[in-house]
Protein backbone atom coordinates (compact mmCIF):
# COMPACT_ATOMS: atom_id res chain seq x y z
CA UNK A 1 -26.38 9.42 -49.62
CA UNK A 2 -24.05 8.09 -47.06
CA UNK A 3 -25.32 6.67 -43.69
CA UNK A 4 -23.23 8.05 -40.76
CA UNK A 5 -21.83 5.29 -38.53
CA UNK A 6 -23.54 4.93 -35.13
CA UNK A 7 -20.58 5.17 -32.38
CA UNK A 8 -21.04 2.68 -29.54
CA UNK A 9 -18.79 3.00 -26.50
CA UNK A 10 -18.64 1.14 -23.03
CA UNK A 11 -20.19 2.61 -20.21
CA UNK A 12 -20.31 4.97 -17.97
CA UNK A 13 -22.28 7.33 -20.50
CA UNK A 14 -22.90 9.98 -18.03
CA UNK A 15 -20.42 12.82 -18.44
CA UNK A 16 -19.40 15.71 -15.69
CA UNK A 17 -16.89 18.26 -15.71
CA UNK A 18 -14.73 16.41 -13.18
CA UNK A 19 -11.12 15.57 -14.10
CA UNK A 20 -8.13 13.94 -12.07
CA UNK A 21 -6.47 17.44 -12.21
CA UNK A 22 -9.62 19.28 -10.65
CA UNK A 23 -10.15 16.22 -7.95
CA UNK A 24 -6.62 16.38 -7.15
CA UNK A 25 -6.44 20.08 -6.83
CA UNK A 26 -9.44 19.81 -4.68
CA UNK A 27 -7.62 17.64 -2.31
CA UNK A 28 -4.76 20.08 -1.82
CA UNK A 29 -6.65 22.48 -1.23
CA UNK A 30 -8.64 20.61 1.70
CA UNK A 31 -5.39 20.05 3.13
CA UNK A 32 -4.60 23.97 3.42
CA UNK A 33 -5.98 24.26 7.06
CA UNK A 34 -3.93 21.53 8.36
CA UNK A 35 -0.63 22.76 6.61
CA UNK A 36 -1.64 26.48 8.07
CA UNK A 37 -1.65 25.20 11.55
CA UNK A 38 1.65 23.04 11.06
CA UNK A 39 3.49 26.06 9.99
CA UNK A 40 2.07 28.02 12.89
CA UNK A 41 2.80 25.26 15.40
CA UNK A 42 6.12 24.26 14.21
CA UNK A 43 7.44 27.06 12.14
CA UNK A 44 10.05 26.99 9.43
CA UNK A 45 10.67 23.19 10.11
CA UNK A 46 7.46 22.48 8.78
CA UNK A 47 7.54 24.80 5.70
CA UNK A 48 11.00 23.49 4.80
CA UNK A 49 10.13 19.94 5.21
CA UNK A 50 6.73 20.48 3.14
CA UNK A 51 8.35 22.41 0.33
CA UNK A 52 11.47 19.97 -0.19
CA UNK A 53 9.00 17.04 -0.43
CA UNK A 54 6.58 18.58 -2.66
CA UNK A 55 9.64 19.63 -5.02
CA UNK A 56 11.37 16.41 -4.90
CA UNK A 57 8.30 14.30 -5.26
CA UNK A 58 7.42 16.61 -8.38
CA UNK A 59 11.36 15.96 -9.99
CA UNK A 60 11.29 12.34 -9.29
CA UNK A 61 7.68 11.98 -11.12
CA UNK A 62 9.02 13.72 -13.64
CA UNK A 63 12.19 11.86 -14.12
CA UNK A 64 10.78 8.27 -13.39
CA UNK A 65 7.88 8.63 -15.85
CA UNK A 66 9.85 10.38 -18.58
CA UNK A 67 12.84 7.94 -18.68
CA UNK A 68 11.78 4.83 -16.75
CA UNK A 69 7.97 4.43 -18.04
CA UNK A 70 9.11 6.07 -21.16
CA UNK A 71 5.75 8.14 -20.92
CA UNK A 72 4.80 11.92 -21.03
CA UNK A 73 5.30 13.66 -17.66
CA UNK A 74 1.80 14.49 -15.88
CA UNK A 75 3.29 16.32 -13.29
CA UNK A 76 0.87 18.85 -13.53
CA UNK A 77 -2.18 16.91 -12.51
CA UNK A 78 -1.49 17.48 -8.88
CA UNK A 79 -0.75 13.85 -7.93
CA UNK A 80 3.01 14.33 -7.18
CA UNK A 81 2.14 17.21 -5.03
CA UNK A 82 -0.55 15.44 -3.13
CA UNK A 83 2.14 12.59 -2.75
CA UNK A 84 4.59 15.19 -1.29
CA UNK A 85 2.17 17.08 1.09
CA UNK A 86 1.35 14.08 2.60
CA UNK A 87 4.56 12.45 3.10
CA UNK A 88 5.64 15.81 4.68
CA UNK A 89 2.59 15.31 6.99
CA UNK A 90 3.65 11.93 7.88
CA UNK A 91 6.92 12.99 9.30
CA UNK A 92 8.41 15.26 12.00
CA UNK A 93 9.26 19.17 11.26
CA UNK A 94 12.73 18.55 12.18
CA UNK A 95 13.49 15.74 9.72
CA UNK A 96 16.67 15.94 7.91
CA UNK A 97 16.63 17.05 4.43
CA UNK A 98 18.48 13.80 3.08
CA UNK A 99 16.01 12.11 4.55
CA UNK A 100 13.02 14.00 3.10
CA UNK A 101 14.52 13.46 -0.11
CA UNK A 102 15.02 9.58 0.26
CA UNK A 103 11.57 9.19 1.51
CA UNK A 104 10.03 11.14 -1.59
CA UNK A 105 12.21 8.90 -3.80
CA UNK A 106 10.73 5.82 -2.36
CA UNK A 107 7.33 7.10 -2.64
CA UNK A 108 7.17 8.13 -5.91
CA UNK A 109 10.05 5.05 -7.17
CA UNK A 110 8.69 2.47 -5.45
CA UNK A 111 5.31 3.14 -4.03
CA UNK A 112 4.04 4.70 -7.49
CA UNK A 113 6.36 4.13 -10.54
CA UNK A 114 7.39 1.00 -9.99
CA UNK A 115 3.76 -0.27 -10.54
CA UNK A 116 3.28 1.73 -13.80
CA UNK A 117 2.52 5.16 -12.48
CA UNK A 118 -0.67 7.09 -11.50
CA UNK A 119 -3.91 4.63 -11.23
CA UNK A 120 -1.38 1.49 -10.87
CA UNK A 121 -0.21 1.95 -7.44
CA UNK A 122 -1.94 -0.88 -5.10
CA UNK A 123 -0.29 0.78 -1.80
CA UNK A 124 -0.50 4.49 -0.99
CA UNK A 125 2.66 6.12 -2.19
CA UNK A 126 3.35 8.56 0.73
CA UNK A 127 2.83 5.74 3.43
CA UNK A 128 5.42 3.76 1.62
CA UNK A 129 7.89 6.45 1.84
CA UNK A 130 6.70 7.03 5.33
CA UNK A 131 6.90 3.48 6.46
CA UNK A 132 10.37 3.05 4.65
CA UNK A 133 11.61 5.92 6.52
CA UNK A 134 10.38 4.90 9.73
CA UNK A 135 12.00 1.42 9.47
CA UNK A 136 15.39 2.61 8.30
CA UNK A 137 15.60 5.64 10.37
CA UNK A 138 13.75 5.55 13.33
CA UNK A 139 15.62 7.89 15.61
CA UNK A 140 15.21 10.68 13.18
CA UNK A 141 11.30 9.66 12.50
CA UNK A 142 10.65 9.64 16.28
CA UNK A 143 12.64 12.72 17.25
CA UNK A 144 9.12 15.19 17.68
CA UNK A 145 9.80 19.08 18.17
CA UNK A 146 8.17 20.46 21.05
CA UNK A 147 4.99 22.65 19.82
CA UNK A 148 5.59 26.09 19.74
CA UNK A 149 8.96 26.00 21.14
CA UNK A 150 11.01 25.27 17.94
CA UNK A 151 9.53 27.43 15.16
CA UNK A 152 12.69 29.53 14.22
CA UNK A 153 14.54 26.16 13.99
CA UNK A 154 14.25 22.99 11.99
CA UNK A 155 17.64 20.85 12.51
CA UNK A 156 18.34 21.21 16.20
CA UNK A 157 14.75 22.07 17.54
CA UNK A 158 13.98 21.28 21.07
CA UNK A 159 11.98 18.00 21.38
CA UNK A 160 9.73 15.67 23.35
CA UNK A 161 7.58 12.83 23.63
CA UNK A 162 4.31 12.59 21.57
CA UNK A 163 1.16 11.79 23.61
CA UNK A 164 1.08 8.27 22.28
CA UNK A 165 4.64 7.74 23.26
CA UNK A 166 4.19 9.49 26.72
CA UNK A 167 1.06 6.75 27.12
CA UNK A 168 2.82 3.64 25.42
CA UNK A 169 6.19 3.91 27.30
CA UNK A 170 4.13 4.84 30.66
CA UNK A 171 1.89 1.61 30.29
CA UNK A 172 5.27 -0.54 29.41
CA UNK A 173 6.64 0.74 32.78
CA UNK A 174 3.38 -0.52 34.87
CA UNK A 175 2.48 2.81 35.42
CA UNK A 176 -1.56 3.56 35.43
CA UNK A 177 -3.27 5.62 33.37
CA UNK A 178 -4.67 7.83 35.71
CA UNK A 179 -1.20 9.03 36.46
CA UNK A 180 0.08 9.30 32.79
CA UNK A 181 -2.84 11.47 31.73
CA UNK A 182 -1.66 14.42 33.83
CA UNK A 183 1.31 14.45 31.80
CA UNK A 184 -0.35 14.92 28.22
CA UNK A 185 -2.13 18.20 26.56
CA UNK A 186 -6.17 18.36 27.06
CA UNK A 187 -8.20 17.38 24.90
CA UNK A 188 -9.07 20.89 23.57
CA UNK A 189 -5.30 21.12 22.67
CA UNK A 190 -5.17 17.78 20.97
CA UNK A 191 -8.17 19.45 18.83
CA UNK A 192 -6.43 22.53 17.78
CA UNK A 193 -2.92 21.42 17.56
CA UNK A 194 -1.37 21.71 20.73
CA UNK A 195 0.83 18.39 20.93
CA UNK A 196 3.84 16.59 19.37
CA UNK A 197 3.70 14.47 16.36
CA UNK A 198 3.80 14.87 12.76
CA UNK A 199 3.63 17.88 10.74
CA UNK A 200 0.17 17.22 9.44
CA UNK A 201 -1.25 15.17 11.98
CA UNK A 202 -1.54 17.38 15.02
CA UNK A 203 -5.11 19.67 14.48
CA UNK A 204 -8.15 17.47 14.30
CA UNK A 205 -10.10 20.59 13.70
CA UNK A 206 -8.19 21.62 10.63
CA UNK A 207 -8.34 18.13 9.08
CA UNK A 208 -12.25 17.97 9.98
CA UNK A 209 -12.59 21.22 7.89
CA UNK A 210 -10.92 20.14 4.88
CA UNK A 211 -12.75 16.78 5.09
CA UNK A 212 -15.97 18.77 5.07
CA UNK A 213 -14.72 20.66 1.92
CA UNK A 214 -13.99 17.45 0.06
CA UNK A 215 -17.84 15.99 1.26
CA UNK A 216 -19.05 19.20 -0.24
CA UNK A 217 -17.04 18.98 -3.36
CA UNK A 218 -17.86 15.13 -3.79
CA UNK A 219 -14.15 14.61 -4.06
CA UNK A 220 -14.45 11.81 -1.52
CA UNK A 221 -17.72 9.83 0.39
CA UNK A 222 -18.17 9.51 4.21
CA UNK A 223 -18.11 5.47 3.89
CA UNK A 224 -14.60 4.84 4.86
CA UNK A 225 -13.65 7.90 7.32
CA UNK A 226 -16.96 6.88 8.94
CA UNK A 227 -16.28 3.04 9.43
CA UNK A 228 -12.68 3.80 10.17
CA UNK A 229 -13.47 6.08 13.16
CA UNK A 230 -16.69 4.05 14.49
CA UNK A 231 -14.58 0.99 14.68
CA UNK A 232 -11.99 2.80 16.49
CA UNK A 233 -14.23 4.05 18.76
CA UNK A 234 -15.77 0.67 19.48
CA UNK A 235 -12.83 -1.35 20.10
CA UNK A 236 -10.87 1.21 21.94
CA UNK A 237 -14.29 1.43 23.91
CA UNK A 238 -14.58 -1.70 24.95
CA UNK A 239 -10.66 -2.28 26.13
CA UNK A 240 -11.03 0.97 27.87
CA UNK A 241 -14.47 -0.26 29.54
CA UNK A 242 -12.64 -3.55 30.38
CA UNK A 243 -9.74 -1.87 32.01
CA UNK A 244 -9.18 1.94 32.26
CA UNK A 245 -5.95 1.76 33.81
CA UNK A 246 -4.57 0.23 31.15
CA UNK A 247 -6.06 1.46 27.90
CA UNK A 248 -7.03 4.79 26.71
CA UNK A 249 -10.58 6.05 26.22
CA UNK A 250 -11.46 6.65 22.57
CA UNK A 251 -11.59 10.26 22.55
CA UNK A 252 -8.13 9.96 22.93
CA UNK A 253 -7.28 7.54 20.13
CA UNK A 254 -9.33 9.71 18.01
CA UNK A 255 -7.53 13.17 18.47
CA UNK A 256 -3.90 11.55 18.67
CA UNK A 257 -1.25 10.51 16.11
CA UNK A 258 -2.51 10.00 12.46
CA UNK A 259 -5.94 8.53 12.96
CA UNK A 260 -7.51 11.81 11.55
CA UNK A 261 -5.08 12.13 9.05
CA UNK A 262 -5.38 8.72 8.14
CA UNK A 263 -9.04 8.41 8.13
CA UNK A 264 -9.70 11.57 6.10
CA UNK A 265 -6.94 11.76 3.80
CA UNK A 266 -4.92 8.76 3.34
CA UNK A 267 -7.50 5.81 3.44
CA UNK A 268 -9.83 7.71 1.05
CA UNK A 269 -7.24 7.74 -1.60
CA UNK A 270 -8.95 6.77 -5.00
CA UNK A 271 -6.28 4.26 -6.63
CA UNK A 272 -5.58 2.61 -3.19
CA UNK A 273 -9.24 1.90 -1.72
CA UNK A 274 -12.40 -0.40 -2.73
CA UNK A 275 -14.77 0.53 -5.53
CA UNK A 276 -18.09 -0.38 -3.82
CA UNK A 277 -19.96 1.18 -0.89
CA UNK A 278 -19.87 -2.37 0.93
CA UNK A 279 -16.15 -2.79 0.45
CA UNK A 280 -15.19 0.91 1.51
CA UNK A 281 -17.26 -0.19 4.61
CA UNK A 282 -15.18 -3.17 5.24
CA UNK A 283 -11.90 -1.37 4.37
CA UNK A 284 -12.47 1.33 6.78
CA UNK A 285 -13.27 -1.10 9.49
CA UNK A 286 -10.43 -3.25 8.83
CA UNK A 287 -8.26 -0.19 9.18
CA UNK A 288 -9.57 0.98 12.52
CA UNK A 289 -9.53 -2.37 14.29
CA UNK A 290 -5.66 -3.14 12.80
CA UNK A 291 -5.10 0.42 14.47
CA UNK A 292 -6.33 -0.26 17.99
CA UNK A 293 -4.79 -3.73 17.72
CA UNK A 294 -1.29 -2.32 16.77
CA UNK A 295 -1.37 0.47 19.20
CA UNK A 296 -2.57 -1.63 22.31
CA UNK A 297 -0.61 -4.82 21.91
CA UNK A 298 1.92 -3.63 19.18
CA UNK A 299 5.79 -2.69 19.54
CA UNK A 300 4.51 0.82 17.77
CA UNK A 301 2.66 3.39 19.92
CA UNK A 302 0.89 4.39 16.54
CA UNK A 303 -0.31 1.67 14.17
CA UNK A 304 -2.51 3.79 11.16
CA UNK A 305 0.24 3.75 8.18
CA UNK A 306 0.77 -0.07 9.06
CA UNK A 307 -3.05 -0.26 9.35
CA UNK A 308 -4.02 1.29 5.98
CA UNK A 309 -1.01 -0.47 4.01
CA UNK A 310 -1.99 -3.86 5.14
CA UNK A 311 -5.78 -3.21 4.11
CA UNK A 312 -4.15 -1.65 0.61
CA UNK A 313 -3.06 -5.15 -0.15
CA UNK A 314 -6.47 -6.45 0.35
CA UNK A 315 -8.42 -3.95 -2.17
CA UNK A 316 -7.90 -6.08 -4.95
CA UNK A 317 -9.81 -9.02 -3.07
CA UNK A 318 -12.26 -6.62 -2.33
CA UNK A 319 -12.96 -5.74 -5.72
CA UNK A 320 -13.02 -9.08 -7.20
CA UNK A 321 -15.51 -10.49 -4.64
CA UNK A 322 -17.44 -7.44 -3.29
CA UNK A 323 -19.53 -6.31 -6.31
CA UNK A 324 -22.94 -4.62 -6.82
CA UNK A 325 -25.22 -7.42 -8.54
CA UNK A 326 -25.50 -6.77 -12.58
CA UNK A 327 -28.26 -4.91 -14.14
CA UNK A 328 -31.12 -7.38 -15.31
CA UNK A 329 -29.83 -10.35 -13.15
CA UNK A 330 -32.68 -12.30 -11.77
CA UNK A 331 -32.59 -13.40 -7.88
CA UNK A 332 -32.59 -17.20 -7.81
CA UNK A 333 -36.21 -18.61 -7.28
C-alpha cells in the first residue's frame, strides 16, 4: 500500500476569498461617490476625460502586456481601470483628449509595464502619468474649469483659479491671508465639491465615504491616511500659529487640492506602500510632511503627487529595514 506524499508549502497558510480582482473592483466601487460628484460639478467634461482615460489605460495594458512583456493580458483584474480612474481624478475636466491618451500611455507604459507589470512597479502609475503631464504640458494641466459653469462643455470651458492657486499667488504677491480668504469658497463648499481643481479631488465628503467603505470591506487600513493627515494638521498648524497672515490653517490644507484623494486612494496603493504597520505610519507621515513643505515653500501650490512619489522611492528601504520580529527569536539578554 503506497503512502501519500505530504505536501509542504510556504506561509501564509490562512486562506480567504480575497483576490486581486475582488480587491480592485472594491476600490473602483469606493471611488463611485467622488466620480458622481465630479460628473455633477463638471458635467460632460469629467465624463469624457474619465471614460477616455480608462479606455486608454485598458488598451495600453492589453497591448504592452501581450506584445512587450509577452504575458497573458490581465485587463479584467481591474488594475488598469483603477489607474485610468485615478489618472482622470488627477487632471482637469477640460484636458485635451491627446493629453489624456499620452498620460495613460506614460502611466501604464512607464509607470507599470516598464517594471514588469502588476505588482512590480515601485511608483504609483497614475501619479507617474499625472506628474509627466504637469511637467510637459503645464498650461493644459493648470487650466481649471469653474464648478457648475461649464457642465455642457469640455474643450472651451470657463476657467478660473483653484483655492490653492489663489492663496499661493496672493502670498507671493505679499497679500495677507486675512484678505485672501475672502476670495476662496467656504469650508462647507470645499467639503462638498464647490471649488475648482482636478476631477476627483473636489469633494472631501465623497472621498471619505469611499474610504469608509474600503475600511469596512478591509481593503485598506487606517494607518497611512491617518499618519498623513495627522502630520499635515501638525505641521500646517505650527506654521499657521507662527504666522497666520502668511500660512493657511490646517483645515484649509485638508480640504483643498489632492490631500484627501492622495491620502485615501493614492498613498494606500498596495504595491507602492510599505508592508509593515510601522512602515506605513512612517510612510504616511513622510508624505504629509513633504506635502506641507512643497505647498508652503516650493514653486507649486500643490505637493501631494510629488510627496507620494518621493516616498514611493523609499518604500523598498522601509520594507528592508523595518520588519516585524521573527517568531521564536529571543530578546537579547
